[in-house]
Amino acid sequence: MSKSRRKGTAAESLVVAHLNGHGYPQAERRSLSGALDKGDIVNGPEGFVLEVKAHRTPHYQAWLREAEVERANADADYGVVVHKPHGVGPAKVGDFHVVMSLDTFLSVVQGQ
């Protein structure tokens, strides 16, 4: 397993553990699905596809496009990116960033 893949797996596991402790006890990592990927986390917040990233340099535009494809594949309401910022350790998983488009944000807050 590459270093990048290990970092991604570790970040996904941290997010799952955090979700498990905050009202989503069934959340778990999703197995890879290739071209029909449906996001990294299953059984988290209803209607959401979570795409987890652990990169030093953010690439939000590309990541949000990826989350949107995965949202459509999963027939979910919202696609968001959970980004582990550089320098934020495992004990601070609650400080990871959740990134979404403005339209996604408005849909969430307006309940659409």
N, C-alpha and C. Protein backbone atom coordinates (compact mmCIF):
# COMPACT_ATOMS: atom_id res chain seq x y z
N MET A 1 0.85 -1.17 0.00
CA MET A 1 0.00 0.00 0.00
C MET A 1 0.89 1.23 0.00
N SER A 2 0.57 2.19 -0.86
CA SER A 2 1.36 3.41 -0.97
C SER A 2 1.18 4.28 0.28
N LYS A 3 2.13 5.19 0.47
CA LYS A 3 2.05 6.10 1.61
C LYS A 3 0.78 6.94 1.54
N SER A 4 0.44 7.40 0.33
CA SER A 4 -0.77 8.20 0.15
C SER A 4 -2.02 7.40 0.51
N ARG A 5 -2.07 6.15 0.08
CA ARG A 5 -3.23 5.29 0.38
C ARG A 5 -3.32 5.05 1.89
N ARG A 6 -2.18 4.83 2.55
CA ARG A 6 -2.18 4.63 4.01
C ARG A 6 -2.71 5.86 4.74
N LYS A 7 -2.28 7.05 4.29
CA LYS A 7 -2.76 8.29 4.91
C LYS A 7 -4.26 8.44 4.72
N GLY A 8 -4.74 8.11 3.52
CA GLY A 8 -6.17 8.20 3.25
C GLY A 8 -6.98 7.22 4.08
N THR A 9 -6.49 5.99 4.18
CA THR A 9 -7.16 4.97 4.99
C THR A 9 -7.20 5.39 6.45
N ALA A 10 -6.09 5.92 6.95
CA ALA A 10 -6.04 6.37 8.34
C ALA A 10 -7.02 7.51 8.58
N ALA A 11 -7.09 8.46 7.66
CA ALA A 11 -8.02 9.59 7.81
C ALA A 11 -9.46 9.09 7.77
N GLU A 12 -9.77 8.18 6.86
CA GLU A 12 -11.12 7.61 6.79
C GLU A 12 -11.48 6.92 8.10
N SER A 13 -10.56 6.16 8.64
CA SER A 13 -10.80 5.46 9.91
C SER A 13 -11.04 6.43 11.05
N LEU A 14 -10.30 7.53 11.07
CA LEU A 14 -10.51 8.55 12.09
C LEU A 14 -11.89 9.19 11.96
N VAL A 15 -12.30 9.47 10.74
CA VAL A 15 -13.62 10.07 10.52
C VAL A 15 -14.71 9.10 10.96
N VAL A 16 -14.56 7.82 10.61
CA VAL A 16 -15.56 6.82 11.01
C VAL A 16 -15.64 6.74 12.53
N ALA A 17 -14.51 6.69 13.21
CA ALA A 17 -14.52 6.61 14.67
C ALA A 17 -15.20 7.84 15.27
N HIS A 18 -14.94 9.01 14.68
CA HIS A 18 -15.56 10.24 15.17
C HIS A 18 -17.08 10.19 14.96
N LEU A 19 -17.50 9.76 13.79
CA LEU A 19 -18.94 9.63 13.52
C LEU A 19 -19.57 8.62 14.48
N ASN A 20 -18.88 7.49 14.71
CA ASN A 20 -19.41 6.47 15.62
C ASN A 20 -19.66 7.05 17.00
N GLY A 21 -18.79 7.94 17.45
CA GLY A 21 -18.92 8.53 18.77
C GLY A 21 -19.85 9.72 18.83
N HIS A 22 -20.40 10.11 17.69
CA HIS A 22 -21.26 11.31 17.64
C HIS A 22 -22.60 11.02 16.97
N GLY A 23 -23.16 9.87 17.29
CA GLY A 23 -24.52 9.59 16.85
C GLY A 23 -24.68 8.75 15.60
N TYR A 24 -23.59 8.26 15.06
CA TYR A 24 -23.66 7.42 13.86
C TYR A 24 -22.90 6.11 14.11
N PRO A 25 -23.43 5.26 14.98
CA PRO A 25 -22.69 4.05 15.38
C PRO A 25 -22.52 3.03 14.25
N GLN A 26 -23.29 3.15 13.17
CA GLN A 26 -23.17 2.21 12.06
C GLN A 26 -22.23 2.70 10.96
N ALA A 27 -21.69 3.90 11.09
CA ALA A 27 -20.80 4.43 10.06
C ALA A 27 -19.59 3.53 9.90
N GLU A 28 -19.18 3.34 8.64
CA GLU A 28 -18.00 2.51 8.36
C GLU A 28 -17.42 2.90 7.01
N ARG A 29 -16.19 2.48 6.81
CA ARG A 29 -15.53 2.73 5.53
C ARG A 29 -16.19 1.87 4.46
N ARG A 30 -16.38 2.44 3.31
CA ARG A 30 -16.96 1.72 2.17
C ARG A 30 -15.82 1.10 1.37
N SER A 31 -16.04 -0.10 0.86
CA SER A 31 -15.02 -0.73 0.02
C SER A 31 -14.97 0.01 -1.32
N LEU A 32 -13.80 -0.03 -1.95
CA LEU A 32 -13.61 0.66 -3.22
C LEU A 32 -14.53 0.07 -4.28
N SER A 33 -15.08 0.94 -5.14
CA SER A 33 -16.03 0.50 -6.16
C SER A 33 -15.59 0.89 -7.57
N GLY A 34 -14.39 1.37 -7.74
CA GLY A 34 -13.92 1.75 -9.07
C GLY A 34 -14.68 2.93 -9.64
N ALA A 35 -15.10 2.80 -10.91
CA ALA A 35 -15.75 3.90 -11.62
C ALA A 35 -17.10 4.27 -11.00
N LEU A 36 -17.71 3.36 -10.27
CA LEU A 36 -19.02 3.64 -9.67
C LEU A 36 -18.89 3.90 -8.17
N ASP A 37 -17.78 4.51 -7.78
CA ASP A 37 -17.52 4.81 -6.38
C ASP A 37 -18.67 5.63 -5.81
N LYS A 38 -19.05 5.30 -4.58
CA LYS A 38 -20.16 5.99 -3.91
C LYS A 38 -19.71 6.70 -2.65
N GLY A 39 -18.44 7.11 -2.60
CA GLY A 39 -17.92 7.82 -1.44
C GLY A 39 -17.14 6.90 -0.52
N ASP A 40 -16.52 7.49 0.50
CA ASP A 40 -15.64 6.75 1.39
C ASP A 40 -16.33 6.21 2.63
N ILE A 41 -17.40 6.85 3.07
CA ILE A 41 -18.06 6.48 4.32
C ILE A 41 -19.51 6.11 4.03
N VAL A 42 -19.96 5.01 4.61
CA VAL A 42 -21.35 4.58 4.48
C VAL A 42 -22.00 4.60 5.86
N ASN A 43 -23.30 4.80 5.91
CA ASN A 43 -24.07 4.81 7.15
C ASN A 43 -23.71 5.96 8.08
N GLY A 44 -23.29 7.07 7.49
CA GLY A 44 -23.06 8.30 8.26
C GLY A 44 -24.32 9.14 8.20
N PRO A 45 -24.19 10.45 8.19
CA PRO A 45 -25.37 11.30 8.11
C PRO A 45 -26.22 10.96 6.89
N GLU A 46 -27.51 10.82 7.11
CA GLU A 46 -28.42 10.40 6.03
C GLU A 46 -28.42 11.41 4.89
N GLY A 47 -28.32 10.88 3.68
CA GLY A 47 -28.36 11.71 2.50
C GLY A 47 -27.01 12.27 2.07
N PHE A 48 -25.96 12.00 2.82
CA PHE A 48 -24.65 12.56 2.54
C PHE A 48 -23.68 11.49 2.02
N VAL A 49 -22.90 11.88 1.03
CA VAL A 49 -21.73 11.11 0.60
C VAL A 49 -20.53 11.87 1.13
N LEU A 50 -19.67 11.17 1.87
CA LEU A 50 -18.46 11.77 2.44
C LEU A 50 -17.25 11.27 1.68
N GLU A 51 -16.53 12.18 1.08
CA GLU A 51 -15.27 11.88 0.39
C GLU A 51 -14.16 12.42 1.28
N VAL A 52 -13.33 11.52 1.82
CA VAL A 52 -12.31 11.90 2.79
C VAL A 52 -10.96 12.06 2.09
N LYS A 53 -10.28 13.16 2.39
CA LYS A 53 -8.98 13.46 1.80
C LYS A 53 -7.99 13.83 2.89
N ALA A 54 -6.75 13.36 2.72
CA ALA A 54 -5.67 13.68 3.66
C ALA A 54 -4.45 14.13 2.85
N HIS A 55 -4.55 15.31 2.28
CA HIS A 55 -3.47 15.85 1.46
C HIS A 55 -2.97 17.15 2.07
N ARG A 56 -1.69 17.37 1.94
CA ARG A 56 -1.08 18.60 2.45
C ARG A 56 -1.67 19.82 1.74
N THR A 57 -1.76 19.74 0.41
CA THR A 57 -2.28 20.85 -0.38
C THR A 57 -3.71 20.55 -0.80
N PRO A 58 -4.65 21.40 -0.44
CA PRO A 58 -6.04 21.15 -0.82
C PRO A 58 -6.26 21.33 -2.32
N HIS A 59 -7.10 20.49 -2.87
CA HIS A 59 -7.52 20.56 -4.27
C HIS A 59 -9.05 20.51 -4.28
N TYR A 60 -9.65 21.51 -3.64
CA TYR A 60 -11.08 21.47 -3.39
C TYR A 60 -11.92 21.34 -4.65
N GLN A 61 -11.57 22.05 -5.70
CA GLN A 61 -12.38 22.00 -6.91
C GLN A 61 -12.46 20.58 -7.47
N ALA A 62 -11.33 19.92 -7.61
CA ALA A 62 -11.31 18.54 -8.12
C ALA A 62 -12.00 17.60 -7.14
N TRP A 63 -11.77 17.78 -5.85
CA TRP A 63 -12.39 16.92 -4.85
C TRP A 63 -13.91 17.07 -4.83
N LEU A 64 -14.39 18.29 -4.98
CA LEU A 64 -15.84 18.50 -5.00
C LEU A 64 -16.47 17.89 -6.25
N ARG A 65 -15.76 17.95 -7.38
CA ARG A 65 -16.27 17.26 -8.59
C ARG A 65 -16.37 15.76 -8.33
N GLU A 66 -15.35 15.21 -7.68
CA GLU A 66 -15.35 13.78 -7.34
C GLU A 66 -16.51 13.45 -6.40
N ALA A 67 -16.72 14.28 -5.39
CA ALA A 67 -17.82 14.05 -4.44
C ALA A 67 -19.17 14.13 -5.15
N GLU A 68 -19.29 15.00 -6.14
CA GLU A 68 -20.55 15.12 -6.88
C GLU A 68 -20.83 13.87 -7.72
N VAL A 69 -19.80 13.33 -8.35
CA VAL A 69 -19.96 12.08 -9.11
C VAL A 69 -20.38 10.96 -8.16
N GLU A 70 -19.73 10.88 -7.02
CA GLU A 70 -20.04 9.84 -6.04
C GLU A 70 -21.43 10.03 -5.44
N ARG A 71 -21.84 11.27 -5.26
CA ARG A 71 -23.19 11.55 -4.78
C ARG A 71 -24.22 11.01 -5.77
N ALA A 72 -23.99 11.27 -7.05
CA ALA A 72 -24.90 10.77 -8.08
C ALA A 72 -24.89 9.24 -8.11
N ASN A 73 -23.71 8.62 -8.02
CA ASN A 73 -23.62 7.16 -8.02
C ASN A 73 -24.39 6.55 -6.85
N ALA A 74 -24.36 7.24 -5.71
CA ALA A 74 -25.01 6.73 -4.49
C ALA A 74 -26.48 7.17 -4.41
N ASP A 75 -26.92 7.98 -5.34
CA ASP A 75 -28.27 8.56 -5.32
C ASP A 75 -28.53 9.25 -3.98
N ALA A 76 -27.52 10.01 -3.53
CA ALA A 76 -27.60 10.73 -2.26
C ALA A 76 -27.99 12.19 -2.53
N ASP A 77 -28.33 12.89 -1.47
CA ASP A 77 -28.73 14.29 -1.59
C ASP A 77 -27.55 15.25 -1.68
N TYR A 78 -26.49 14.95 -0.94
CA TYR A 78 -25.37 15.89 -0.81
C TYR A 78 -24.04 15.16 -0.92
N GLY A 79 -23.09 15.79 -1.61
CA GLY A 79 -21.73 15.29 -1.67
C GLY A 79 -20.81 16.31 -1.03
N VAL A 80 -20.04 15.89 -0.03
CA VAL A 80 -19.13 16.80 0.66
C VAL A 80 -17.76 16.15 0.80
N VAL A 81 -16.76 16.99 0.98
CA VAL A 81 -15.39 16.55 1.19
C VAL A 81 -15.04 16.77 2.65
N VAL A 82 -14.46 15.76 3.28
CA VAL A 82 -13.90 15.89 4.63
C VAL A 82 -12.39 15.89 4.45
N HIS A 83 -11.75 17.01 4.77
CA HIS A 83 -10.32 17.17 4.54
C HIS A 83 -9.56 17.24 5.85
N LYS A 84 -8.56 16.36 5.99
CA LYS A 84 -7.65 16.42 7.13
C LYS A 84 -6.55 17.42 6.76
N PRO A 85 -6.58 18.61 7.35
CA PRO A 85 -5.55 19.59 7.03
C PRO A 85 -4.18 19.16 7.53
N HIS A 86 -3.15 19.58 6.84
CA HIS A 86 -1.78 19.27 7.26
C HIS A 86 -1.55 19.81 8.67
N GLY A 87 -0.97 18.98 9.51
CA GLY A 87 -0.63 19.39 10.87
C GLY A 87 -1.71 19.13 11.90
N VAL A 88 -2.89 18.70 11.46
CA VAL A 88 -3.96 18.38 12.40
C VAL A 88 -3.85 16.89 12.71
N GLY A 89 -3.53 16.57 13.96
CA GLY A 89 -3.30 15.18 14.35
C GLY A 89 -4.57 14.41 14.63
N PRO A 90 -4.41 13.10 14.84
CA PRO A 90 -5.56 12.22 15.07
C PRO A 90 -6.43 12.63 16.25
N ALA A 91 -5.85 13.25 17.26
CA ALA A 91 -6.63 13.64 18.43
C ALA A 91 -7.56 14.81 18.12
N LYS A 92 -7.37 15.45 16.98
CA LYS A 92 -8.14 16.64 16.61
C LYS A 92 -9.02 16.39 15.39
N VAL A 93 -9.52 15.16 15.23
CA VAL A 93 -10.33 14.83 14.05
C VAL A 93 -11.55 15.75 13.94
N GLY A 94 -12.05 16.25 15.03
CA GLY A 94 -13.16 17.20 15.00
C GLY A 94 -12.79 18.52 14.35
N ASP A 95 -11.49 18.76 14.15
CA ASP A 95 -11.03 19.97 13.48
C ASP A 95 -10.81 19.78 11.99
N PHE A 96 -11.07 18.57 11.47
CA PHE A 96 -11.00 18.37 10.03
C PHE A 96 -12.01 19.32 9.39
N HIS A 97 -11.80 19.66 8.14
CA HIS A 97 -12.68 20.58 7.43
C HIS A 97 -13.72 19.82 6.62
N VAL A 98 -14.93 20.33 6.61
CA VAL A 98 -15.98 19.82 5.73
C VAL A 98 -16.18 20.89 4.66
N VAL A 99 -16.00 20.49 3.40
CA VAL A 99 -16.05 21.42 2.29
C VAL A 99 -17.19 21.03 1.36
N MET A 100 -17.97 22.02 0.99
CA MET A 100 -19.07 21.79 0.05
C MET A 100 -19.26 23.04 -0.79
N SER A 101 -19.96 22.90 -1.89
CA SER A 101 -20.26 24.07 -2.71
C SER A 101 -21.28 24.94 -1.98
N LEU A 102 -21.38 26.18 -2.39
CA LEU A 102 -22.36 27.09 -1.80
C LEU A 102 -23.78 26.58 -2.05
N ASP A 103 -24.04 26.05 -3.25
CA ASP A 103 -25.37 25.52 -3.54
C ASP A 103 -25.70 24.32 -2.66
N THR A 104 -24.71 23.46 -2.40
CA THR A 104 -24.94 22.33 -1.49
C THR A 104 -25.25 22.85 -0.10
N PHE A 105 -24.48 23.82 0.36
CA PHE A 105 -24.72 24.42 1.67
C PHE A 105 -26.13 24.98 1.77
N LEU A 106 -26.55 25.73 0.75
CA LEU A 106 -27.90 26.30 0.77
C LEU A 106 -28.97 25.21 0.77
N SER A 107 -28.75 24.15 0.03
CA SER A 107 -29.71 23.03 0.04
C SER A 107 -29.82 22.40 1.43
N VAL A 108 -28.67 22.26 2.10
CA VAL A 108 -28.67 21.68 3.45
C VAL A 108 -29.43 22.59 4.42
N VAL A 109 -29.09 23.86 4.44
CA VAL A 109 -29.70 24.74 5.43
C VAL A 109 -31.15 25.07 5.12
N GLN A 110 -31.52 24.97 3.86
CA GLN A 110 -32.91 25.23 3.47
C GLN A 110 -33.74 23.95 3.44
N GLY A 111 -33.09 22.82 3.74
CA GLY A 111 -33.81 21.55 3.82
C GLY A 111 -34.33 21.02 2.50
N GLN A 112 -33.59 21.25 1.44
CA GLN A 112 -34.05 20.81 0.12
C GLN A 112 -33.39 19.53 -0.29
